[in-house]
N, C-alpha and C. Protein backbone atom coordinates (compact mmCIF):
# COMPACT_ATOMS: atom_id res chain seq x y z
N MET A 1 -12.63 6.99 3.27
CA MET A 1 -11.68 6.55 2.26
C MET A 1 -10.75 7.72 1.94
N TYR A 2 -9.47 7.42 1.89
CA TYR A 2 -8.45 8.42 1.56
C TYR A 2 -8.26 8.43 0.05
N LEU A 3 -8.19 9.63 -0.55
CA LEU A 3 -8.00 9.77 -2.00
C LEU A 3 -6.84 10.70 -2.31
N LYS A 4 -6.07 10.35 -3.33
CA LYS A 4 -4.96 11.18 -3.80
C LYS A 4 -5.06 11.25 -5.32
N GLU A 5 -4.92 12.46 -5.88
CA GLU A 5 -5.02 12.62 -7.33
C GLU A 5 -3.63 12.77 -7.95
N PHE A 6 -3.47 12.16 -9.13
CA PHE A 6 -2.20 12.22 -9.86
C PHE A 6 -2.44 12.65 -11.30
N GLU A 7 -1.49 13.38 -11.83
CA GLU A 7 -1.46 13.68 -13.26
C GLU A 7 -0.69 12.53 -13.91
N VAL A 8 -1.23 11.97 -14.98
CA VAL A 8 -0.52 10.91 -15.70
C VAL A 8 0.45 11.60 -16.67
N ARG A 9 1.73 11.44 -16.38
CA ARG A 9 2.79 12.09 -17.16
C ARG A 9 3.28 11.17 -18.26
N TRP A 10 3.99 11.74 -19.21
CA TRP A 10 4.57 10.97 -20.30
C TRP A 10 5.45 9.85 -19.76
N SER A 11 6.20 10.12 -18.70
CA SER A 11 7.11 9.12 -18.12
C SER A 11 6.37 7.98 -17.42
N ASP A 12 5.05 8.13 -17.22
CA ASP A 12 4.24 7.09 -16.58
C ASP A 12 3.65 6.11 -17.59
N VAL A 13 3.90 6.35 -18.87
CA VAL A 13 3.26 5.60 -19.95
C VAL A 13 4.24 4.56 -20.50
N ASP A 14 3.71 3.40 -20.90
CA ASP A 14 4.55 2.35 -21.47
C ASP A 14 4.48 2.35 -23.00
N ALA A 15 5.02 1.33 -23.63
CA ALA A 15 5.08 1.24 -25.09
C ALA A 15 3.69 1.18 -25.72
N ASN A 16 2.68 0.78 -24.97
CA ASN A 16 1.30 0.74 -25.48
C ASN A 16 0.58 2.08 -25.31
N ARG A 17 1.30 3.06 -24.81
CA ARG A 17 0.81 4.43 -24.62
C ARG A 17 -0.31 4.54 -23.59
N HIS A 18 -0.32 3.61 -22.64
CA HIS A 18 -1.23 3.73 -21.50
C HIS A 18 -0.40 3.61 -20.21
N LEU A 19 -1.04 3.85 -19.08
CA LEU A 19 -0.34 3.85 -17.80
C LEU A 19 0.38 2.53 -17.58
N ALA A 20 1.68 2.59 -17.34
CA ALA A 20 2.51 1.40 -17.15
C ALA A 20 2.23 0.77 -15.79
N ASN A 21 2.41 -0.55 -15.71
CA ASN A 21 2.16 -1.22 -14.43
C ASN A 21 3.07 -0.66 -13.33
N SER A 22 4.29 -0.27 -13.67
CA SER A 22 5.18 0.30 -12.66
C SER A 22 4.65 1.63 -12.14
N ALA A 23 3.94 2.39 -12.97
CA ALA A 23 3.35 3.66 -12.53
C ALA A 23 2.22 3.40 -11.53
N TYR A 24 1.44 2.35 -11.75
CA TYR A 24 0.39 1.99 -10.78
C TYR A 24 1.03 1.75 -9.41
N ILE A 25 2.12 0.98 -9.39
CA ILE A 25 2.81 0.67 -8.14
C ILE A 25 3.33 1.95 -7.49
N ASN A 26 3.94 2.83 -8.29
CA ASN A 26 4.46 4.09 -7.75
C ASN A 26 3.34 4.98 -7.20
N PHE A 27 2.22 5.07 -7.91
CA PHE A 27 1.10 5.88 -7.43
C PHE A 27 0.55 5.33 -6.12
N MET A 28 0.47 4.01 -6.00
CA MET A 28 -0.03 3.42 -4.75
C MET A 28 0.94 3.69 -3.60
N SER A 29 2.22 3.53 -3.86
CA SER A 29 3.22 3.79 -2.83
C SER A 29 3.17 5.24 -2.36
N HIS A 30 3.06 6.15 -3.32
CA HIS A 30 2.97 7.57 -2.98
C HIS A 30 1.69 7.85 -2.16
N THR A 31 0.60 7.22 -2.54
CA THR A 31 -0.66 7.38 -1.80
C THR A 31 -0.50 6.90 -0.36
N ARG A 32 0.13 5.73 -0.18
CA ARG A 32 0.33 5.20 1.17
C ARG A 32 1.19 6.13 2.02
N MET A 33 2.28 6.63 1.44
CA MET A 33 3.17 7.50 2.22
C MET A 33 2.48 8.83 2.53
N SER A 34 1.67 9.35 1.62
CA SER A 34 0.92 10.58 1.90
C SER A 34 -0.07 10.35 3.03
N TYR A 35 -0.73 9.20 2.99
CA TYR A 35 -1.69 8.84 4.05
C TYR A 35 -0.98 8.78 5.40
N LEU A 36 0.15 8.07 5.44
CA LEU A 36 0.90 7.95 6.70
C LEU A 36 1.37 9.31 7.19
N ASN A 37 1.86 10.16 6.27
CA ASN A 37 2.28 11.51 6.65
C ASN A 37 1.13 12.29 7.27
N GLU A 38 -0.04 12.21 6.65
CA GLU A 38 -1.20 12.95 7.16
C GLU A 38 -1.68 12.40 8.50
N MET A 39 -1.39 11.11 8.76
CA MET A 39 -1.71 10.52 10.06
C MET A 39 -0.71 10.95 11.13
N GLY A 40 0.41 11.55 10.71
CA GLY A 40 1.46 11.94 11.64
C GLY A 40 2.61 10.96 11.67
N LEU A 41 2.54 9.91 10.88
CA LEU A 41 3.62 8.93 10.82
C LEU A 41 4.51 9.28 9.62
N ASP A 42 5.29 10.33 9.80
CA ASP A 42 6.16 10.80 8.73
C ASP A 42 7.57 10.24 8.90
N GLN A 43 8.47 10.65 8.02
CA GLN A 43 9.85 10.15 8.07
C GLN A 43 10.50 10.43 9.42
N ARG A 44 10.21 11.59 10.00
CA ARG A 44 10.79 11.95 11.30
C ARG A 44 10.43 10.91 12.36
N HIS A 45 9.15 10.50 12.38
CA HIS A 45 8.72 9.50 13.35
C HIS A 45 9.33 8.13 13.05
N MET A 46 9.41 7.79 11.78
CA MET A 46 10.01 6.50 11.42
C MET A 46 11.48 6.45 11.83
N VAL A 47 12.20 7.54 11.62
CA VAL A 47 13.60 7.61 12.02
C VAL A 47 13.72 7.51 13.55
N ALA A 48 12.87 8.26 14.25
CA ALA A 48 12.92 8.25 15.72
C ALA A 48 12.68 6.86 16.29
N HIS A 49 11.83 6.06 15.63
CA HIS A 49 11.52 4.71 16.11
C HIS A 49 12.30 3.64 15.36
N ASN A 50 13.14 4.07 14.42
CA ASN A 50 14.00 3.16 13.67
C ASN A 50 13.21 2.07 12.94
N ILE A 51 12.09 2.48 12.32
CA ILE A 51 11.24 1.53 11.60
C ILE A 51 11.02 1.98 10.16
N GLY A 52 10.63 1.03 9.34
CA GLY A 52 10.27 1.33 7.96
C GLY A 52 9.26 0.29 7.47
N PRO A 53 8.42 0.67 6.50
CA PRO A 53 7.44 -0.27 5.96
C PRO A 53 8.06 -1.15 4.88
N VAL A 54 7.63 -2.41 4.84
CA VAL A 54 8.02 -3.33 3.77
C VAL A 54 6.76 -3.93 3.15
N VAL A 55 6.83 -4.19 1.87
CA VAL A 55 5.70 -4.75 1.14
C VAL A 55 5.91 -6.25 0.95
N PHE A 56 4.91 -7.05 1.31
CA PHE A 56 4.95 -8.49 1.06
C PHE A 56 4.44 -8.81 -0.34
N TYR A 57 3.32 -8.18 -0.71
CA TYR A 57 2.79 -8.39 -2.06
C TYR A 57 1.84 -7.25 -2.42
N GLU A 58 1.67 -7.08 -3.72
CA GLU A 58 0.69 -6.17 -4.29
C GLU A 58 0.05 -6.90 -5.46
N HIS A 59 -1.23 -7.21 -5.33
CA HIS A 59 -1.97 -7.87 -6.41
C HIS A 59 -2.84 -6.82 -7.10
N VAL A 60 -2.52 -6.55 -8.36
CA VAL A 60 -3.23 -5.50 -9.08
C VAL A 60 -4.13 -6.13 -10.14
N TYR A 61 -5.36 -5.64 -10.20
CA TYR A 61 -6.35 -6.08 -11.18
C TYR A 61 -6.69 -4.86 -12.04
N TYR A 62 -6.48 -4.98 -13.34
CA TYR A 62 -6.70 -3.88 -14.27
C TYR A 62 -8.04 -4.06 -14.97
N PHE A 63 -8.85 -3.01 -15.00
CA PHE A 63 -10.16 -3.07 -15.63
C PHE A 63 -10.23 -2.28 -16.93
N LYS A 64 -9.65 -1.08 -16.93
CA LYS A 64 -9.68 -0.21 -18.11
C LYS A 64 -8.35 0.51 -18.23
N GLU A 65 -8.01 0.91 -19.43
CA GLU A 65 -6.77 1.64 -19.66
C GLU A 65 -6.85 3.06 -19.10
N VAL A 66 -5.68 3.57 -18.73
CA VAL A 66 -5.55 4.96 -18.28
C VAL A 66 -4.53 5.61 -19.21
N PHE A 67 -4.87 6.82 -19.70
CA PHE A 67 -4.04 7.49 -20.69
C PHE A 67 -3.48 8.81 -20.14
N PRO A 68 -2.38 9.28 -20.73
CA PRO A 68 -1.82 10.57 -20.28
C PRO A 68 -2.77 11.71 -20.59
N GLY A 69 -2.60 12.78 -19.84
CA GLY A 69 -3.42 13.96 -20.06
C GLY A 69 -4.71 13.97 -19.27
N ARG A 70 -4.98 12.89 -18.58
CA ARG A 70 -6.19 12.79 -17.77
C ARG A 70 -5.78 12.41 -16.35
N PRO A 71 -6.34 13.06 -15.34
CA PRO A 71 -5.96 12.71 -13.97
C PRO A 71 -6.50 11.35 -13.56
N VAL A 72 -5.85 10.77 -12.59
CA VAL A 72 -6.31 9.51 -12.00
C VAL A 72 -6.29 9.71 -10.48
N ARG A 73 -7.31 9.18 -9.81
CA ARG A 73 -7.36 9.25 -8.35
C ARG A 73 -7.15 7.85 -7.79
N VAL A 74 -6.38 7.79 -6.71
CA VAL A 74 -6.05 6.52 -6.06
C VAL A 74 -6.58 6.56 -4.63
N SER A 75 -7.37 5.55 -4.28
CA SER A 75 -7.91 5.48 -2.92
C SER A 75 -7.07 4.55 -2.07
N LEU A 76 -7.25 4.68 -0.76
CA LEU A 76 -6.61 3.80 0.21
C LEU A 76 -7.61 3.52 1.31
N GLU A 77 -7.77 2.25 1.64
CA GLU A 77 -8.56 1.84 2.79
C GLU A 77 -7.75 0.81 3.56
N ILE A 78 -7.81 0.88 4.89
CA ILE A 78 -7.18 -0.14 5.73
C ILE A 78 -8.12 -1.33 5.77
N THR A 79 -7.65 -2.47 5.25
CA THR A 79 -8.50 -3.66 5.24
C THR A 79 -8.07 -4.68 6.30
N GLY A 80 -6.89 -4.48 6.89
CA GLY A 80 -6.43 -5.40 7.93
C GLY A 80 -5.28 -4.81 8.72
N LEU A 81 -5.19 -5.22 9.97
CA LEU A 81 -4.12 -4.78 10.86
C LEU A 81 -3.98 -5.82 11.96
N SER A 82 -2.74 -6.19 12.29
CA SER A 82 -2.54 -7.11 13.41
C SER A 82 -2.70 -6.34 14.72
N GLU A 83 -2.91 -7.05 15.80
CA GLU A 83 -3.15 -6.41 17.10
C GLU A 83 -2.00 -5.51 17.52
N ASP A 84 -0.76 -5.89 17.17
CA ASP A 84 0.39 -5.07 17.54
C ASP A 84 0.80 -4.11 16.42
N GLY A 85 0.05 -4.12 15.32
CA GLY A 85 0.35 -3.22 14.21
C GLY A 85 1.47 -3.69 13.30
N MET A 86 2.07 -4.84 13.59
CA MET A 86 3.19 -5.32 12.77
C MET A 86 2.77 -5.52 11.32
N TYR A 87 1.64 -6.18 11.11
CA TYR A 87 1.16 -6.47 9.76
C TYR A 87 0.03 -5.52 9.40
N PHE A 88 0.00 -5.09 8.15
CA PHE A 88 -1.08 -4.24 7.67
C PHE A 88 -1.48 -4.66 6.27
N GLU A 89 -2.71 -4.37 5.95
CA GLU A 89 -3.25 -4.69 4.63
C GLU A 89 -4.06 -3.48 4.16
N PHE A 90 -3.81 -3.05 2.93
CA PHE A 90 -4.53 -1.93 2.34
C PHE A 90 -5.17 -2.37 1.04
N ALA A 91 -6.27 -1.70 0.70
CA ALA A 91 -6.87 -1.85 -0.63
C ALA A 91 -6.77 -0.49 -1.32
N HIS A 92 -6.42 -0.53 -2.60
CA HIS A 92 -6.36 0.67 -3.42
C HIS A 92 -7.31 0.49 -4.59
N ASN A 93 -7.99 1.57 -4.94
CA ASN A 93 -8.76 1.60 -6.17
C ASN A 93 -8.31 2.80 -6.98
N PHE A 94 -8.29 2.63 -8.29
CA PHE A 94 -7.94 3.71 -9.22
C PHE A 94 -9.22 4.15 -9.90
N TYR A 95 -9.41 5.47 -9.99
CA TYR A 95 -10.60 6.04 -10.61
C TYR A 95 -10.18 7.03 -11.70
N ASP A 96 -10.88 6.99 -12.83
CA ASP A 96 -10.63 7.97 -13.88
C ASP A 96 -11.33 9.28 -13.55
N GLN A 97 -11.22 10.25 -14.45
CA GLN A 97 -11.79 11.58 -14.21
C GLN A 97 -13.31 11.56 -14.08
N LYS A 98 -13.97 10.51 -14.56
CA LYS A 98 -15.43 10.39 -14.46
C LYS A 98 -15.86 9.59 -13.23
N GLY A 99 -14.89 9.09 -12.47
CA GLY A 99 -15.21 8.31 -11.28
C GLY A 99 -15.34 6.82 -11.53
N ASN A 100 -15.00 6.36 -12.74
CA ASN A 100 -15.04 4.93 -13.05
C ASN A 100 -13.86 4.22 -12.40
N ASN A 101 -14.12 3.06 -11.82
CA ASN A 101 -13.07 2.25 -11.20
C ASN A 101 -12.31 1.52 -12.30
N VAL A 102 -11.03 1.89 -12.50
CA VAL A 102 -10.25 1.35 -13.61
C VAL A 102 -9.23 0.30 -13.17
N ALA A 103 -8.96 0.19 -11.86
CA ALA A 103 -8.03 -0.83 -11.36
C ALA A 103 -8.24 -0.99 -9.86
N HIS A 104 -7.83 -2.13 -9.34
CA HIS A 104 -7.95 -2.45 -7.91
C HIS A 104 -6.68 -3.16 -7.48
N CYS A 105 -6.25 -2.90 -6.25
CA CYS A 105 -5.06 -3.58 -5.72
C CYS A 105 -5.29 -3.97 -4.27
N GLU A 106 -4.84 -5.18 -3.95
CA GLU A 106 -4.80 -5.66 -2.57
C GLU A 106 -3.33 -5.77 -2.21
N MET A 107 -2.92 -5.15 -1.12
CA MET A 107 -1.51 -5.23 -0.73
C MET A 107 -1.40 -5.54 0.75
N MET A 108 -0.30 -6.22 1.08
CA MET A 108 0.00 -6.52 2.48
C MET A 108 1.45 -6.18 2.75
N GLY A 109 1.68 -5.67 3.94
CA GLY A 109 3.04 -5.33 4.34
C GLY A 109 3.21 -5.47 5.83
N ALA A 110 4.38 -5.03 6.29
CA ALA A 110 4.71 -5.09 7.71
C ALA A 110 5.71 -3.99 8.01
N TRP A 111 6.04 -3.86 9.28
CA TRP A 111 7.03 -2.89 9.73
C TRP A 111 8.30 -3.65 10.10
N ILE A 112 9.43 -3.08 9.73
CA ILE A 112 10.72 -3.70 10.02
C ILE A 112 11.54 -2.77 10.91
N ASP A 113 12.23 -3.36 11.88
CA ASP A 113 13.18 -2.63 12.71
C ASP A 113 14.44 -2.49 11.87
N LEU A 114 14.85 -1.27 11.58
CA LEU A 114 15.96 -1.05 10.66
C LEU A 114 17.32 -1.39 11.26
N LYS A 115 17.39 -1.60 12.57
CA LYS A 115 18.65 -2.01 13.19
C LYS A 115 18.77 -3.53 13.20
N THR A 116 17.73 -4.22 13.70
CA THR A 116 17.79 -5.68 13.81
C THR A 116 17.43 -6.38 12.50
N ARG A 117 16.77 -5.63 11.57
CA ARG A 117 16.31 -6.17 10.29
C ARG A 117 15.27 -7.27 10.49
N LYS A 118 14.50 -7.14 11.56
CA LYS A 118 13.42 -8.10 11.85
C LYS A 118 12.10 -7.35 11.90
N LEU A 119 11.02 -8.08 11.63
CA LEU A 119 9.70 -7.48 11.71
C LEU A 119 9.41 -7.07 13.14
N THR A 120 8.66 -5.98 13.28
CA THR A 120 8.36 -5.45 14.61
C THR A 120 6.97 -4.85 14.65
N GLY A 121 6.38 -4.87 15.82
CA GLY A 121 5.11 -4.19 16.02
C GLY A 121 5.35 -2.69 16.09
N LEU A 122 4.28 -1.94 16.02
CA LEU A 122 4.38 -0.48 16.08
C LEU A 122 4.49 0.00 17.52
N PRO A 123 5.26 1.05 17.76
CA PRO A 123 5.24 1.67 19.09
C PRO A 123 3.81 2.10 19.42
N ASP A 124 3.46 2.09 20.70
CA ASP A 124 2.07 2.31 21.11
C ASP A 124 1.48 3.61 20.59
N ASP A 125 2.25 4.71 20.61
CA ASP A 125 1.68 5.99 20.15
C ASP A 125 1.31 5.93 18.67
N ILE A 126 2.14 5.27 17.88
CA ILE A 126 1.85 5.14 16.45
C ILE A 126 0.70 4.16 16.23
N LEU A 127 0.71 3.06 16.97
CA LEU A 127 -0.37 2.07 16.87
C LEU A 127 -1.73 2.71 17.18
N GLN A 128 -1.77 3.54 18.21
CA GLN A 128 -3.03 4.19 18.58
C GLN A 128 -3.53 5.10 17.45
N THR A 129 -2.61 5.77 16.77
CA THR A 129 -2.97 6.61 15.63
C THR A 129 -3.51 5.75 14.51
N PHE A 130 -2.83 4.63 14.23
CA PHE A 130 -3.27 3.70 13.19
C PHE A 130 -4.66 3.15 13.48
N LEU A 131 -4.91 2.83 14.74
CA LEU A 131 -6.21 2.26 15.13
C LEU A 131 -7.36 3.24 14.92
N LYS A 132 -7.05 4.54 14.86
CA LYS A 132 -8.08 5.56 14.64
C LYS A 132 -8.36 5.76 13.15
N GLY A 133 -7.53 5.17 12.27
CA GLY A 133 -7.71 5.32 10.83
C GLY A 133 -8.99 4.69 10.34
N GLU A 134 -9.49 5.22 9.24
CA GLU A 134 -10.73 4.70 8.65
C GLU A 134 -10.50 3.29 8.12
N ARG A 135 -11.39 2.38 8.48
CA ARG A 135 -11.28 0.98 8.09
C ARG A 135 -12.32 0.65 7.03
N SER A 136 -12.00 -0.34 6.22
CA SER A 136 -12.95 -0.80 5.22
C SER A 136 -14.06 -1.59 5.90
N ALA A 137 -15.15 -1.79 5.18
CA ALA A 137 -16.28 -2.56 5.71
C ALA A 137 -15.88 -4.01 6.00
N ASP A 138 -14.89 -4.52 5.26
CA ASP A 138 -14.46 -5.91 5.45
C ASP A 138 -13.15 -6.01 6.25
N PHE A 139 -12.87 -5.02 7.09
CA PHE A 139 -11.66 -5.00 7.90
C PHE A 139 -11.54 -6.27 8.73
N ARG A 140 -10.29 -6.75 8.89
CA ARG A 140 -10.06 -7.94 9.72
C ARG A 140 -8.78 -7.78 10.51
N THR A 141 -8.69 -8.48 11.63
CA THR A 141 -7.48 -8.50 12.44
C THR A 141 -6.55 -9.54 11.84
N LEU A 142 -5.34 -9.13 11.51
CA LEU A 142 -4.38 -10.01 10.84
C LEU A 142 -3.53 -10.79 11.84
N THR A 143 -3.13 -11.99 11.42
CA THR A 143 -2.20 -12.81 12.19
C THR A 143 -1.05 -13.20 11.25
N LYS A 144 -0.02 -13.78 11.80
CA LYS A 144 1.11 -14.22 10.98
C LYS A 144 0.65 -15.20 9.91
N GLU A 145 -0.33 -16.02 10.22
CA GLU A 145 -0.83 -17.00 9.25
C GLU A 145 -1.40 -16.31 8.00
N ASP A 146 -1.97 -15.13 8.17
CA ASP A 146 -2.50 -14.39 7.01
C ASP A 146 -1.40 -14.01 6.03
N THR A 147 -0.18 -13.86 6.52
CA THR A 147 0.93 -13.49 5.62
C THR A 147 1.39 -14.66 4.76
N ARG A 148 0.94 -15.85 5.09
CA ARG A 148 1.36 -17.06 4.37
C ARG A 148 0.20 -17.71 3.63
N LYS A 149 -0.88 -16.98 3.40
CA LYS A 149 -2.09 -17.59 2.85
C LYS A 149 -1.91 -18.18 1.46
N TYR A 150 -0.91 -17.75 0.73
CA TYR A 150 -0.71 -18.30 -0.61
C TYR A 150 0.27 -19.47 -0.61
N GLY A 151 0.81 -19.81 0.56
CA GLY A 151 1.67 -20.97 0.68
C GLY A 151 2.96 -20.89 -0.13
N LYS A 152 3.41 -19.70 -0.40
CA LYS A 152 4.65 -19.53 -1.18
C LYS A 152 5.83 -19.45 -0.23
N THR A 153 6.87 -20.20 -0.54
CA THR A 153 8.11 -20.14 0.22
C THR A 153 9.26 -20.01 -0.75
N PRO A 154 10.37 -19.43 -0.32
CA PRO A 154 11.52 -19.30 -1.21
C PRO A 154 12.02 -20.66 -1.67
N LYS A 155 12.41 -20.73 -2.94
CA LYS A 155 12.96 -21.98 -3.48
C LYS A 155 14.32 -21.67 -4.10
N PRO A 156 15.33 -22.49 -3.78
CA PRO A 156 16.65 -22.25 -4.36
C PRO A 156 16.65 -22.56 -5.85
N LEU A 157 17.54 -21.93 -6.55
CA LEU A 157 17.71 -22.20 -7.97
C LEU A 157 18.33 -23.58 -8.14
N SER A 158 17.68 -24.42 -8.90
CA SER A 158 18.25 -25.76 -9.14
C SER A 158 18.78 -25.77 -10.57
N GLU A 159 19.99 -26.19 -10.69
CA GLU A 159 20.62 -26.18 -12.01
C GLU A 159 20.74 -27.57 -12.58
């Protein structure tokens, strides 16, 4: 399991004086990018292959409040990956300074070709690196159908 520690700053707190939901999202995003960088998939590689990550959804479950002045650790586990690496799924857990699990997130995303603006699989060298990453106990191979499991489709505004 990959772990990243964060200081909860004043700017991370909302009107209720606890960690704002937007800060949870930012901490998870930072954790993912740090993980990818440490795997060798940094901005230089993304630029060379003209790809970037996109998020389909992030479902966050909050268990306990997090306050400023105390560190929080964010974990990352790979819970799913398609055979070509196009789709990925991560789980994040938030832990307080005592190791208590204070929040959980399930997220799914994909890789986009920045020229064609279409989803794309990973180049083989990057895919091989991804395949070596630590997987969760409930890891699964993703398909396009997994990206539609909630049956949500865009709906036009009706006036």
